[in-house]
Amino acid sequence: MIKKLTPVLVVEAIESILPLWDALGFQRTAEVPHGDRLGFVILQSGAAELMYQTFDSVRADEPRVGQTFGRAGLFIEVDDLEMIAKRVPKGIEVVVERRKTFYGATEMILRDAAGNTVVLAEMEK
């Protein structure tokens, strides 16, 4: 069962986009540096959530994804990654079969037929 879907927008730099979201009342619920700049941020306002990650951070985190990551991706939190993985249709590109992240998720990374990146993540319980 899908628990949550969060857009991930990939940008050259995060700092320049923050004033807009600050003005709209979004709070930064997570920040991860990459070098001397932000590499990743989660913004939240009520039930609305949005993630930004830099191209450099994506390439450093997972080179197989960073080579072809478009400007947007989806981060989908699931409650049973194994069950979801069995339902992935034949022909869908599996970029990363499984990986354990620093933030406690087990992820599977796919690319849909249009080239969009889809991250399925089961959080540690």
PDB file of N, CA and C in Angstrom:
ATOM      1  N   MET A   1       0.848  -1.181   0.000  1.00  0.00           N
ATOM      2  CA  MET A   1       0.000   0.000   0.000  1.00  0.00           C
ATOM      3  C   MET A   1       0.887   1.236   0.000  1.00  0.00           C
ATOM      4  N   ILE A   2       0.529   2.183  -0.797  1.00  0.00           N
ATOM      5  CA  ILE A   2       1.265   3.449  -0.837  1.00  0.00           C
ATOM      6  C   ILE A   2       0.838   4.298   0.347  1.00  0.00           C
ATOM      7  N   LYS A   3       1.830   4.860   1.039  1.00  0.00           N
ATOM      8  CA  LYS A   3       1.557   5.683   2.214  1.00  0.00           C
ATOM      9  C   LYS A   3       1.613   7.169   1.901  1.00  0.00           C
ATOM     10  N   LYS A   4       2.531   7.552   0.991  1.00  0.00           N
ATOM     11  CA  LYS A   4       2.708   8.982   0.724  1.00  0.00           C
ATOM     12  C   LYS A   4       3.479   9.147  -0.574  1.00  0.00           C
ATOM     13  N   LEU A   5       3.176  10.196  -1.342  1.00  0.00           N
ATOM     14  CA  LEU A   5       3.888  10.513  -2.571  1.00  0.00           C
ATOM     15  C   LEU A   5       4.400  11.941  -2.467  1.00  0.00           C
ATOM     16  N   THR A   6       5.694  12.124  -2.678  1.00  0.00           N
ATOM     17  CA  THR A   6       6.313  13.437  -2.538  1.00  0.00           C
ATOM     18  C   THR A   6       7.088  13.786  -3.799  1.00  0.00           C
ATOM     19  N   PRO A   7       6.807  14.920  -4.443  1.00  0.00           N
ATOM     20  CA  PRO A   7       7.608  15.331  -5.595  1.00  0.00           C
ATOM     21  C   PRO A   7       9.032  15.685  -5.165  1.00  0.00           C
ATOM     22  N   VAL A   8       9.992  15.303  -6.012  1.00  0.00           N
ATOM     23  CA  VAL A   8      11.396  15.659  -5.813  1.00  0.00           C
ATOM     24  C   VAL A   8      11.810  16.496  -7.016  1.00  0.00           C
ATOM     25  N   LEU A   9      12.159  17.743  -6.771  1.00  0.00           N
ATOM     26  CA  LEU A   9      12.594  18.633  -7.841  1.00  0.00           C
ATOM     27  C   LEU A   9      14.106  18.751  -7.779  1.00  0.00           C
ATOM     28  N   VAL A  10      14.755  18.483  -8.908  1.00  0.00           N
ATOM     29  CA  VAL A  10      16.212  18.509  -8.960  1.00  0.00           C
ATOM     30  C   VAL A  10      16.640  19.824  -9.596  1.00  0.00           C
ATOM     31  N   VAL A  11      17.538  20.519  -8.900  1.00  0.00           N
ATOM     32  CA  VAL A  11      17.924  21.879  -9.281  1.00  0.00           C
ATOM     33  C   VAL A  11      19.441  22.040  -9.203  1.00  0.00           C
ATOM     34  N   GLU A  12      19.935  23.096  -9.809  1.00  0.00           N
ATOM     35  CA  GLU A  12      21.365  23.409  -9.722  1.00  0.00           C
ATOM     36  C   GLU A  12      21.736  23.849  -8.308  1.00  0.00           C
ATOM     37  N   ALA A  13      20.878  24.685  -7.691  1.00  0.00           N
ATOM     38  CA  ALA A  13      21.149  25.202  -6.343  1.00  0.00           C
ATOM     39  C   ALA A  13      19.829  25.334  -5.592  1.00  0.00           C
ATOM     40  N   ILE A  14      19.854  25.006  -4.323  1.00  0.00           N
ATOM     41  CA  ILE A  14      18.645  25.050  -3.496  1.00  0.00           C
ATOM     42  C   ILE A  14      18.435  26.420  -2.865  1.00  0.00           C
ATOM     43  N   GLU A  15      19.505  27.054  -2.460  1.00  0.00           N
ATOM     44  CA  GLU A  15      19.393  28.300  -1.689  1.00  0.00           C
ATOM     45  C   GLU A  15      18.521  29.351  -2.372  1.00  0.00           C
ATOM     46  N   SER A  16      18.591  29.441  -3.692  1.00  0.00           N
ATOM     47  CA  SER A  16      17.850  30.487  -4.404  1.00  0.00           C
ATOM     48  C   SER A  16      16.348  30.227  -4.461  1.00  0.00           C
ATOM     49  N   ILE A  17      15.915  28.989  -4.245  1.00  0.00           N
ATOM     50  CA  ILE A  17      14.477  28.707  -4.305  1.00  0.00           C
ATOM     51  C   ILE A  17      13.792  28.829  -2.948  1.00  0.00           C
ATOM     52  N   LEU A  18      14.558  28.870  -1.875  1.00  0.00           N
ATOM     53  CA  LEU A  18      13.971  28.862  -0.530  1.00  0.00           C
ATOM     54  C   LEU A  18      13.130  30.089  -0.180  1.00  0.00           C
ATOM     55  N   PRO A  19      13.498  31.306  -0.596  1.00  0.00           N
ATOM     56  CA  PRO A  19      12.679  32.461  -0.219  1.00  0.00           C
ATOM     57  C   PRO A  19      11.214  32.348  -0.646  1.00  0.00           C
ATOM     58  N   LEU A  20      10.954  31.774  -1.814  1.00  0.00           N
ATOM     59  CA  LEU A  20       9.570  31.606  -2.265  1.00  0.00           C
ATOM     60  C   LEU A  20       8.802  30.708  -1.296  1.00  0.00           C
ATOM     61  N   TRP A  21       9.376  29.566  -0.955  1.00  0.00           N
ATOM     62  CA  TRP A  21       8.690  28.620  -0.083  1.00  0.00           C
ATOM     63  C   TRP A  21       8.575  29.148   1.334  1.00  0.00           C
ATOM     64  N   ASP A  22       9.578  29.900   1.785  1.00  0.00           N
ATOM     65  CA  ASP A  22       9.482  30.560   3.092  1.00  0.00           C
ATOM     66  C   ASP A  22       8.288  31.515   3.103  1.00  0.00           C
ATOM     67  N   ALA A  23       8.140  32.274   2.017  1.00  0.00           N
ATOM     68  CA  ALA A  23       7.045  33.248   1.920  1.00  0.00           C
ATOM     69  C   ALA A  23       5.681  32.566   1.876  1.00  0.00           C
ATOM     70  N   LEU A  24       5.646  31.347   1.343  1.00  0.00           N
ATOM     71  CA  LEU A  24       4.387  30.604   1.265  1.00  0.00           C
ATOM     72  C   LEU A  24       4.087  29.820   2.542  1.00  0.00           C
ATOM     73  N   GLY A  25       4.941  29.967   3.541  1.00  0.00           N
ATOM     74  CA  GLY A  25       4.686  29.350   4.833  1.00  0.00           C
ATOM     75  C   GLY A  25       5.227  27.942   5.008  1.00  0.00           C
ATOM     76  N   PHE A  26       6.077  27.497   4.090  1.00  0.00           N
ATOM     77  CA  PHE A  26       6.670  26.166   4.228  1.00  0.00           C
ATOM     78  C   PHE A  26       7.814  26.210   5.229  1.00  0.00           C
ATOM     79  N   GLN A  27       7.936  25.145   6.006  1.00  0.00           N
ATOM     80  CA  GLN A  27       9.022  25.000   6.976  1.00  0.00           C
ATOM     81  C   GLN A  27      10.017  23.972   6.447  1.00  0.00           C
ATOM     82  N   ARG A  28      11.269  24.175   6.756  1.00  0.00           N
ATOM     83  CA  ARG A  28      12.296  23.191   6.399  1.00  0.00           C
ATOM     84  C   ARG A  28      12.300  22.115   7.480  1.00  0.00           C
ATOM     85  N   THR A  29      11.939  20.899   7.107  1.00  0.00           N
ATOM     86  CA  THR A  29      11.891  19.809   8.083  1.00  0.00           C
ATOM     87  C   THR A  29      13.137  18.935   8.032  1.00  0.00           C
ATOM     88  N   ALA A  30      13.927  19.073   6.981  1.00  0.00           N
ATOM     89  CA  ALA A  30      15.202  18.351   6.881  1.00  0.00           C
ATOM     90  C   ALA A  30      16.105  19.089   5.908  1.00  0.00           C
ATOM     91  N   GLU A  31      17.372  19.145   6.247  1.00  0.00           N
ATOM     92  CA  GLU A  31      18.387  19.739   5.369  1.00  0.00           C
ATOM     93  C   GLU A  31      19.615  18.844   5.401  1.00  0.00           C
ATOM     94  N   VAL A  32      20.196  18.601   4.232  1.00  0.00           N
ATOM     95  CA  VAL A  32      21.424  17.813   4.146  1.00  0.00           C
ATOM     96  C   VAL A  32      22.420  18.615   3.320  1.00  0.00           C
ATOM     97  N   PRO A  33      23.576  18.926   3.885  1.00  0.00           N
ATOM     98  CA  PRO A  33      24.570  19.679   3.128  1.00  0.00           C
ATOM     99  C   PRO A  33      25.246  18.803   2.072  1.00  0.00           C
ATOM    100  N   HIS A  34      25.764  19.470   1.060  1.00  0.00           N
ATOM    101  CA  HIS A  34      26.604  18.823   0.046  1.00  0.00           C
ATOM    102  C   HIS A  34      27.728  19.804  -0.247  1.00  0.00           C
ATOM    103  N   GLY A  35      28.891  19.523   0.295  1.00  0.00           N
ATOM    104  CA  GLY A  35      29.976  20.492   0.201  1.00  0.00           C
ATOM    105  C   GLY A  35      29.638  21.695   1.060  1.00  0.00           C
ATOM    106  N   ASP A  36      29.810  22.881   0.498  1.00  0.00           N
ATOM    107  CA  ASP A  36      29.535  24.110   1.255  1.00  0.00           C
ATOM    108  C   ASP A  36      28.139  24.665   0.983  1.00  0.00           C
ATOM    109  N   ARG A  37      27.276  23.869   0.347  1.00  0.00           N
ATOM    110  CA  ARG A  37      25.916  24.301   0.029  1.00  0.00           C
ATOM    111  C   ARG A  37      24.930  23.228   0.472  1.00  0.00           C
ATOM    112  N   LEU A  38      23.661  23.546   0.364  1.00  0.00           N
ATOM    113  CA  LEU A  38      22.643  22.528   0.619  1.00  0.00           C
ATOM    114  C   LEU A  38      22.600  21.554  -0.558  1.00  0.00           C
ATOM    115  N   GLY A  39      22.483  20.271  -0.246  1.00  0.00           N
ATOM    116  CA  GLY A  39      22.342  19.265  -1.289  1.00  0.00           C
ATOM    117  C   GLY A  39      20.933  18.714  -1.361  1.00  0.00           C
ATOM    118  N   PHE A  40      20.202  18.854  -0.256  1.00  0.00           N
ATOM    119  CA  PHE A  40      18.866  18.278  -0.175  1.00  0.00           C
ATOM    120  C   PHE A  40      18.086  19.003   0.905  1.00  0.00           C
ATOM    121  N   VAL A  41      16.790  19.195   0.666  1.00  0.00           N
ATOM    122  CA  VAL A  41      15.930  19.819   1.667  1.00  0.00           C
ATOM    123  C   VAL A  41      14.513  19.262   1.520  1.00  0.00           C
ATOM    124  N   ILE A  42      13.838  19.102   2.656  1.00  0.00           N
ATOM    125  CA  ILE A  42      12.414  18.764   2.658  1.00  0.00           C
ATOM    126  C   ILE A  42      11.670  19.978   3.188  1.00  0.00           C
ATOM    127  N   LEU A  43      10.654  20.409   2.448  1.00  0.00           N
ATOM    128  CA  LEU A  43       9.823  21.550   2.828  1.00  0.00           C
ATOM    129  C   LEU A  43       8.414  21.034   3.096  1.00  0.00           C
ATOM    130  N   GLN A  44       7.783  21.561   4.156  1.00  0.00           N
ATOM    131  CA  GLN A  44       6.455  21.081   4.510  1.00  0.00           C
ATOM    132  C   GLN A  44       5.580  22.225   4.992  1.00  0.00           C
ATOM    133  N   SER A  45       4.315  22.157   4.582  1.00  0.00           N
ATOM    134  CA  SER A  45       3.290  23.066   5.074  1.00  0.00           C
ATOM    135  C   SER A  45       2.016  22.243   5.220  1.00  0.00           C
ATOM    136  N   GLY A  46       1.615  21.987   6.458  1.00  0.00           N
ATOM    137  CA  GLY A  46       0.471  21.104   6.672  1.00  0.00           C
ATOM    138  C   GLY A  46       0.776  19.734   6.103  1.00  0.00           C
ATOM    139  N   ALA A  47      -0.136  19.212   5.283  1.00  0.00           N
ATOM    140  CA  ALA A  47       0.062  17.901   4.671  1.00  0.00           C
ATOM    141  C   ALA A  47       0.869  17.968   3.380  1.00  0.00           C
ATOM    142  N   ALA A  48       1.124  19.180   2.888  1.00  0.00           N
ATOM    143  CA  ALA A  48       1.885  19.337   1.642  1.00  0.00           C
ATOM    144  C   ALA A  48       3.379  19.199   1.914  1.00  0.00           C
ATOM    145  N   GLU A  49       4.038  18.400   1.084  1.00  0.00           N
ATOM    146  CA  GLU A  49       5.474  18.183   1.247  1.00  0.00           C
ATOM    147  C   GLU A  49       6.144  18.220  -0.120  1.00  0.00           C
ATOM    148  N   LEU A  50       7.354  18.740  -0.143  1.00  0.00           N
ATOM    149  CA  LEU A  50       8.122  18.910  -1.364  1.00  0.00           C
ATOM    150  C   LEU A  50       9.589  18.704  -1.033  1.00  0.00           C
ATOM    151  N   MET A  51      10.313  18.013  -1.915  1.00  0.00           N
ATOM    152  CA  MET A  51      11.748  17.819  -1.721  1.00  0.00           C
ATOM    153  C   MET A  51      12.503  18.483  -2.863  1.00  0.00           C
ATOM    154  N   TYR A  52      13.648  19.058  -2.536  1.00  0.00           N
ATOM    155  CA  TYR A  52      14.579  19.574  -3.538  1.00  0.00           C
ATOM    156  C   TYR A  52      15.918  18.896  -3.317  1.00  0.00           C
ATOM    157  N   GLN A  53      16.572  18.525  -4.407  1.00  0.00           N
ATOM    158  CA  GLN A  53      17.919  17.970  -4.332  1.00  0.00           C
ATOM    159  C   GLN A  53      18.720  18.536  -5.491  1.00  0.00           C
ATOM    160  N   THR A  54      20.001  18.799  -5.259  1.00  0.00           N
ATOM    161  CA  THR A  54      20.831  19.338  -6.335  1.00  0.00           C
ATOM    162  C   THR A  54      21.295  18.209  -7.255  1.00  0.00           C
ATOM    163  N   PHE A  55      21.554  18.572  -8.511  1.00  0.00           N
ATOM    164  CA  PHE A  55      22.092  17.601  -9.463  1.00  0.00           C
ATOM    165  C   PHE A  55      23.379  16.985  -8.926  1.00  0.00           C
ATOM    166  N   ASP A  56      24.265  17.815  -8.366  1.00  0.00           N
ATOM    167  CA  ASP A  56      25.533  17.302  -7.833  1.00  0.00           C
ATOM    168  C   ASP A  56      25.295  16.289  -6.724  1.00  0.00           C
ATOM    169  N   SER A  57      24.332  16.555  -5.864  1.00  0.00           N
ATOM    170  CA  SER A  57      24.022  15.642  -4.769  1.00  0.00           C
ATOM    171  C   SER A  57      23.446  14.326  -5.288  1.00  0.00           C
ATOM    172  N   VAL A  58      22.577  14.401  -6.285  1.00  0.00           N
ATOM    173  CA  VAL A  58      22.010  13.184  -6.882  1.00  0.00           C
ATOM    174  C   VAL A  58      23.124  12.328  -7.475  1.00  0.00           C
ATOM    175  N   ARG A  59      24.003  12.963  -8.248  1.00  0.00           N
ATOM    176  CA  ARG A  59      25.104  12.218  -8.878  1.00  0.00           C
ATOM    177  C   ARG A  59      26.026  11.598  -7.837  1.00  0.00           C
ATOM    178  N   ALA A  60      26.288  12.318  -6.742  1.00  0.00           N
ATOM    179  CA  ALA A  60      27.162  11.795  -5.688  1.00  0.00           C
ATOM    180  C   ALA A  60      26.483  10.666  -4.912  1.00  0.00           C
ATOM    181  N   ASP A  61      25.178  10.797  -4.680  1.00  0.00           N
ATOM    182  CA  ASP A  61      24.436   9.814  -3.887  1.00  0.00           C
ATOM    183  C   ASP A  61      24.260   8.504  -4.642  1.00  0.00           C
ATOM    184  N   GLU A  62      23.875   8.585  -5.900  1.00  0.00           N
ATOM    185  CA  GLU A  62      23.616   7.378  -6.682  1.00  0.00           C
ATOM    186  C   GLU A  62      23.938   7.655  -8.147  1.00  0.00           C
ATOM    187  N   PRO A  63      25.176   7.389  -8.573  1.00  0.00           N
ATOM    188  CA  PRO A  63      25.600   7.716  -9.935  1.00  0.00           C
ATOM    189  C   PRO A  63      24.712   7.125 -11.024  1.00  0.00           C
ATOM    190  N   ARG A  64      24.150   5.934 -10.800  1.00  0.00           N
ATOM    191  CA  ARG A  64      23.293   5.324 -11.827  1.00  0.00           C
ATOM    192  C   ARG A  64      22.046   6.153 -12.080  1.00  0.00           C
ATOM    193  N   VAL A  65      21.561   6.842 -11.080  1.00  0.00           N
ATOM    194  CA  VAL A  65      20.387   7.703 -11.239  1.00  0.00           C
ATOM    195  C   VAL A  65      20.820   9.061 -11.768  1.00  0.00           C
ATOM    196  N   GLY A  66      21.906   9.597 -11.220  1.00  0.00           N
ATOM    197  CA  GLY A  66      22.363  10.935 -11.563  1.00  0.00           C
ATOM    198  C   GLY A  66      22.739  11.125 -13.007  1.00  0.00           C
ATOM    199  N   GLN A  67      23.070  10.043 -13.710  1.00  0.00           N
ATOM    200  CA  GLN A  67      23.457  10.160 -15.111  1.00  0.00           C
ATOM    201  C   GLN A  67      22.314  10.657 -15.979  1.00  0.00           C
ATOM    202  N   THR A  68      21.098  10.296 -15.623  1.00  0.00           N
ATOM    203  CA  THR A  68      19.964  10.617 -16.497  1.00  0.00           C
ATOM    204  C   THR A  68      18.785  11.221 -15.760  1.00  0.00           C
ATOM    205  N   PHE A  69      18.960  11.651 -14.531  1.00  0.00           N
ATOM    206  CA  PHE A  69      17.855  12.199 -13.744  1.00  0.00           C
ATOM    207  C   PHE A  69      17.331  13.458 -14.415  1.00  0.00           C
ATOM    208  N   GLY A  70      16.027  13.503 -14.612  1.00  0.00           N
ATOM    209  CA  GLY A  70      15.419  14.687 -15.202  1.00  0.00           C
ATOM    210  C   GLY A  70      15.243  15.773 -14.157  1.00  0.00           C
ATOM    211  N   ARG A  71      14.418  16.740 -14.433  1.00  0.00           N
ATOM    212  CA  ARG A  71      14.207  17.838 -13.500  1.00  0.00           C
ATOM    213  C   ARG A  71      13.241  17.469 -12.384  1.00  0.00           C
ATOM    214  N   ALA A  72      12.498  16.407 -12.550  1.00  0.00           N
ATOM    215  CA  ALA A  72      11.558  16.016 -11.493  1.00  0.00           C
ATOM    216  C   ALA A  72      11.583  14.510 -11.306  1.00  0.00           C
ATOM    217  N   GLY A  73      11.261  14.091 -10.119  1.00  0.00           N
ATOM    218  CA  GLY A  73      11.153  12.676  -9.809  1.00  0.00           C
ATOM    219  C   GLY A  73      10.078  12.521  -8.754  1.00  0.00           C
ATOM    220  N   LEU A  74       9.732  11.291  -8.468  1.00  0.00           N
ATOM    221  CA  LEU A  74       8.749  11.040  -7.428  1.00  0.00           C
ATOM    222  C   LEU A  74       9.378  10.195  -6.336  1.00  0.00           C
ATOM    223  N   PHE A  75       9.111  10.563  -5.097  1.00  0.00           N
ATOM    224  CA  PHE A  75       9.516   9.785  -3.930  1.00  0.00           C
ATOM    225  C   PHE A  75       8.230   9.236  -3.345  1.00  0.00           C
ATOM    226  N   ILE A  76       8.075   7.917  -3.372  1.00  0.00           N
ATOM    227  CA  ILE A  76       6.840   7.297  -2.917  1.00  0.00           C
ATOM    228  C   ILE A  76       7.151   6.421  -1.712  1.00  0.00           C
ATOM    229  N   GLU A  77       6.594   6.789  -0.562  1.00  0.00           N
ATOM    230  CA  GLU A  77       6.777   5.981   0.639  1.00  0.00           C
ATOM    231  C   GLU A  77       5.756   4.855   0.624  1.00  0.00           C
ATOM    232  N   VAL A  78       6.234   3.633   0.784  1.00  0.00           N
ATOM    233  CA  VAL A  78       5.367   2.457   0.766  1.00  0.00           C
ATOM    234  C   VAL A  78       5.515   1.702   2.084  1.00  0.00           C
ATOM    235  N   ASP A  79       4.514   0.880   2.403  1.00  0.00           N
ATOM    236  CA  ASP A  79       4.614   0.128   3.654  1.00  0.00           C
ATOM    237  C   ASP A  79       5.196  -1.268   3.454  1.00  0.00           C
ATOM    238  N   ASP A  80       5.261  -1.761   2.201  1.00  0.00           N
ATOM    239  CA  ASP A  80       5.805  -3.093   1.932  1.00  0.00           C
ATOM    240  C   ASP A  80       6.507  -3.077   0.577  1.00  0.00           C
ATOM    241  N   LEU A  81       7.792  -2.772   0.584  1.00  0.00           N
ATOM    242  CA  LEU A  81       8.553  -2.652  -0.662  1.00  0.00           C
ATOM    243  C   LEU A  81       8.596  -3.975  -1.423  1.00  0.00           C
ATOM    244  N   GLU A  82       8.721  -5.087  -0.721  1.00  0.00           N
ATOM    245  CA  GLU A  82       8.775  -6.398  -1.386  1.00  0.00           C
ATOM    246  C   GLU A  82       7.507  -6.654  -2.194  1.00  0.00           C
ATOM    247  N   MET A  83       6.345  -6.366  -1.612  1.00  0.00           N
ATOM    248  CA  MET A  83       5.085  -6.576  -2.309  1.00  0.00           C
ATOM    249  C   MET A  83       4.996  -5.674  -3.545  1.00  0.00           C
ATOM    250  N   ILE A  84       5.368  -4.403  -3.379  1.00  0.00           N
ATOM    251  CA  ILE A  84       5.324  -3.460  -4.499  1.00  0.00           C
ATOM    252  C   ILE A  84       6.297  -3.894  -5.589  1.00  0.00           C
ATOM    253  N   ALA A  85       7.503  -4.324  -5.206  1.00  0.00           N
ATOM    254  CA  ALA A  85       8.525  -4.729  -6.179  1.00  0.00           C
ATOM    255  C   ALA A  85       8.022  -5.873  -7.059  1.00  0.00           C
ATOM    256  N   LYS A  86       7.271  -6.789  -6.492  1.00  0.00           N
ATOM    257  CA  LYS A  86       6.736  -7.918  -7.258  1.00  0.00           C
ATOM    258  C   LYS A  86       5.707  -7.464  -8.287  1.00  0.00           C
ATOM    259  N   ARG A  87       5.142  -6.287  -8.094  1.00  0.00           N
ATOM    260  CA  ARG A  87       4.096  -5.780  -8.989  1.00  0.00           C
ATOM    261  C   ARG A  87       4.633  -4.862 -10.078  1.00  0.00           C
ATOM    262  N   VAL A  88       5.950  -4.591 -10.081  1.00  0.00           N
ATOM    263  CA  VAL A  88       6.531  -3.726 -11.114  1.00  0.00           C
ATOM    264  C   VAL A  88       6.414  -4.452 -12.459  1.00  0.00           C
ATOM    265  N   PRO A  89       5.777  -3.820 -13.450  1.00  0.00           N
ATOM    266  CA  PRO A  89       5.575  -4.481 -14.743  1.00  0.00           C
ATOM    267  C   PRO A  89       6.891  -4.770 -15.467  1.00  0.00           C
ATOM    268  N   LYS A  90       6.880  -5.839 -16.264  1.00  0.00           N
ATOM    269  CA  LYS A  90       8.029  -6.135 -17.114  1.00  0.00           C
ATOM    270  C   LYS A  90       8.244  -4.957 -18.056  1.00  0.00           C
ATOM    271  N   GLY A  91       9.493  -4.666 -18.360  1.00  0.00           N
ATOM    272  CA  GLY A  91       9.807  -3.572 -19.266  1.00  0.00           C
ATOM    273  C   GLY A  91      10.120  -2.267 -18.565  1.00  0.00           C
ATOM    274  N   ILE A  92       9.780  -2.159 -17.284  1.00  0.00           N
ATOM    275  CA  ILE A  92      10.132  -0.960 -16.520  1.00  0.00           C
ATOM    276  C   ILE A  92      11.594  -1.083 -16.109  1.00  0.00           C
ATOM    277  N   GLU A  93      12.381  -0.052 -16.380  1.00  0.00           N
ATOM    278  CA  GLU A  93      13.803  -0.079 -16.049  1.00  0.00           C
ATOM    279  C   GLU A  93      14.003   0.025 -14.538  1.00  0.00           C
ATOM    280  N   VAL A  94      14.696  -0.947 -13.993  1.00  0.00           N
ATOM    281  CA  VAL A  94      15.072  -0.918 -12.580  1.00  0.00           C
ATOM    282  C   VAL A  94      16.486  -0.353 -12.524  1.00  0.00           C
ATOM    283  N   VAL A  95      16.609   0.879 -12.053  1.00  0.00           N
ATOM    284  CA  VAL A  95      17.911   1.553 -11.992  1.00  0.00           C
ATOM    285  C   VAL A  95      18.709   1.027 -10.813  1.00  0.00           C
ATOM    286  N   VAL A  96      18.056   0.904  -9.659  1.00  0.00           N
ATOM    287  CA  VAL A  96      18.681   0.358  -8.453  1.00  0.00           C
ATOM    288  C   VAL A  96      17.703  -0.648  -7.851  1.00  0.00           C
ATOM    289  N   GLU A  97      18.123  -1.909  -7.806  1.00  0.00           N
ATOM    290  CA  GLU A  97      17.257  -2.981  -7.294  1.00  0.00           C
ATOM    291  C   GLU A  97      16.905  -2.760  -5.824  1.00  0.00           C
ATOM    292  N   ARG A  98      17.906  -2.529  -4.991  1.00  0.00           N
ATOM    293  CA  ARG A  98      17.708  -2.243  -3.564  1.00  0.00           C
ATOM    294  C   ARG A  98      18.909  -1.474  -3.055  1.00  0.00           C
ATOM    295  N   ARG A  99      18.655  -0.578  -2.144  1.00  0.00           N
ATOM    296  CA  ARG A  99      19.738   0.094  -1.436  1.00  0.00           C
ATOM    297  C   ARG A  99      19.218   0.558  -0.090  1.00  0.00           C
ATOM    298  N   LYS A 100      20.110   0.606   0.864  1.00  0.00           N
ATOM    299  CA  LYS A 100      19.808   1.113   2.206  1.00  0.00           C
ATOM    300  C   LYS A 100      20.325   2.543   2.252  1.00  0.00           C
ATOM    301  N   THR A 101      19.504   3.482   2.714  1.00  0.00           N
ATOM    302  CA  THR A 101      19.898   4.885   2.736  1.00  0.00           C
ATOM    303  C   THR A 101      20.382   5.298   4.115  1.00  0.00           C
ATOM    304  N   PHE A 102      21.044   6.450   4.145  1.00  0.00           N
ATOM    305  CA  PHE A 102      21.536   6.988   5.419  1.00  0.00           C
ATOM    306  C   PHE A 102      20.390   7.405   6.329  1.00  0.00           C
ATOM    307  N   TYR A 103      19.196   7.625   5.767  1.00  0.00           N
ATOM    308  CA  TYR A 103      18.073   8.076   6.591  1.00  0.00           C
ATOM    309  C   TYR A 103      17.136   6.933   6.974  1.00  0.00           C
ATOM    310  N   GLY A 104      17.599   5.693   6.792  1.00  0.00           N
ATOM    311  CA  GLY A 104      16.856   4.559   7.315  1.00  0.00           C
ATOM    312  C   GLY A 104      15.797   3.968   6.411  1.00  0.00           C
ATOM    313  N   ALA A 105      15.885   4.212   5.125  1.00  0.00           N
ATOM    314  CA  ALA A 105      14.916   3.631   4.198  1.00  0.00           C
ATOM    315  C   ALA A 105      15.597   2.557   3.353  1.00  0.00           C
ATOM    316  N   THR A 106      14.804   1.596   2.920  1.00  0.00           N
ATOM    317  CA  THR A 106      15.233   0.677   1.872  1.00  0.00           C
ATOM    318  C   THR A 106      14.529   1.148   0.615  1.00  0.00           C
ATOM    319  N   GLU A 107      15.293   1.402  -0.436  1.00  0.00           N
ATOM    320  CA  GLU A 107      14.738   1.985  -1.655  1.00  0.00           C
ATOM    321  C   GLU A 107      14.935   1.077  -2.860  1.00  0.00           C
ATOM    322  N   MET A 108      14.019   1.222  -3.789  1.00  0.00           N
ATOM    323  CA  MET A 108      14.114   0.666  -5.131  1.00  0.00           C
ATOM    324  C   MET A 108      13.908   1.853  -6.058  1.00  0.00           C
ATOM    325  N   ILE A 109      14.770   1.997  -7.057  1.00  0.00           N
ATOM    326  CA  ILE A 109      14.677   3.160  -7.941  1.00  0.00           C
ATOM    327  C   ILE A 109      14.382   2.678  -9.354  1.00  0.00           C
ATOM    328  N   LEU A 110      13.304   3.217  -9.921  1.00  0.00           N
ATOM    329  CA  LEU A 110      12.833   2.837 -11.245  1.00  0.00           C
ATOM    330  C   LEU A 110      12.886   4.028 -12.191  1.00  0.00           C
ATOM    331  N   ARG A 111      12.799   3.731 -13.475  1.00  0.00           N
ATOM    332  CA  ARG A 111      12.624   4.783 -14.463  1.00  0.00           C
ATOM    333  C   ARG A 111      11.411   4.379 -15.292  1.00  0.00           C
ATOM    334  N   ASP A 112      10.420   5.266 -15.374  1.00  0.00           N
ATOM    335  CA  ASP A 112       9.219   4.928 -16.133  1.00  0.00           C
ATOM    336  C   ASP A 112       9.482   5.048 -17.633  1.00  0.00           C
ATOM    337  N   ALA A 113       8.487   4.692 -18.427  1.00  0.00           N
ATOM    338  CA  ALA A 113       8.651   4.665 -19.878  1.00  0.00           C
ATOM    339  C   ALA A 113       8.972   6.030 -20.472  1.00  0.00           C
ATOM    340  N   ALA A 114       8.635   7.095 -19.763  1.00  0.00           N
ATOM    341  CA  ALA A 114       8.923   8.450 -20.244  1.00  0.00           C
ATOM    342  C   ALA A 114      10.264   8.963 -19.732  1.00  0.00           C
ATOM    343  N   GLY A 115      10.992   8.140 -18.959  1.00  0.00           N
ATOM    344  CA  GLY A 115      12.300   8.544 -18.465  1.00  0.00           C
ATOM    345  C   GLY A 115      12.287   9.204 -17.100  1.00  0.00           C
ATOM    346  N   ASN A 116      11.143   9.266 -16.442  1.00  0.00           N
ATOM    347  CA  ASN A 116      11.057   9.868 -15.112  1.00  0.00           C
ATOM    348  C   ASN A 116      11.575   8.903 -14.049  1.00  0.00           C
ATOM    349  N   THR A 117      12.212   9.442 -13.031  1.00  0.00           N
ATOM    350  CA  THR A 117      12.743   8.640 -11.937  1.00  0.00           C
ATOM    351  C   THR A 117      11.688   8.492 -10.847  1.00  0.00           C
ATOM    352  N   VAL A 118      11.484   7.258 -10.410  1.00  0.00           N
ATOM    353  CA  VAL A 118      10.511   6.952  -9.364  1.00  0.00           C
ATOM    354  C   VAL A 118      11.240   6.181  -8.262  1.00  0.00           C
ATOM    355  N   VAL A 119      11.274   6.767  -7.067  1.00  0.00           N
ATOM    356  CA  VAL A 119      11.913   6.133  -5.913  1.00  0.00           C
ATOM    357  C   VAL A 119      10.817   5.570  -5.019  1.00  0.00           C
ATOM    358  N   LEU A 120      10.876   4.265  -4.772  1.00  0.00           N
ATOM    359  CA  LEU A 120       9.959   3.608  -3.843  1.00  0.00           C
ATOM    360  C   LEU A 120      10.736   3.354  -2.565  1.00  0.00           C
ATOM    361  N   ALA A 121      10.227   3.809  -1.434  1.00  0.00           N
ATOM    362  CA  ALA A 121      10.983   3.725  -0.180  1.00  0.00           C
ATOM    363  C   ALA A 121      10.134   3.171   0.947  1.00  0.00           C
ATOM    364  N   GLU A 122      10.687   2.170   1.623  1.00  0.00           N
ATOM    365  CA  GLU A 122      10.077   1.649   2.842  1.00  0.00           C
ATOM    366  C   GLU A 122      10.933   2.131   4.006  1.00  0.00           C
ATOM    367  N   MET A 123      10.327   2.901   4.891  1.00  0.00           N
ATOM    368  CA  MET A 123      11.053   3.460   6.025  1.00  0.00           C
ATOM    369  C   MET A 123      11.231   2.395   7.096  1.00  0.00           C
ATOM    370  N   GLU A 124      12.355   2.481   7.826  1.00  0.00           N
ATOM    371  CA  GLU A 124      12.591   1.564   8.934  1.00  0.00           C
ATOM    372  C   GLU A 124      11.481   1.699   9.957  1.00  0.00           C
ATOM    373  N   LYS A 125      11.070   0.589  10.505  1.00  0.00           N
ATOM    374  CA  LYS A 125       9.979   0.623  11.482  1.00  0.00           C
ATOM    375  C   LYS A 125      10.523   0.694  12.872  1.00  0.00           C
TER     376      LYS A 125
END
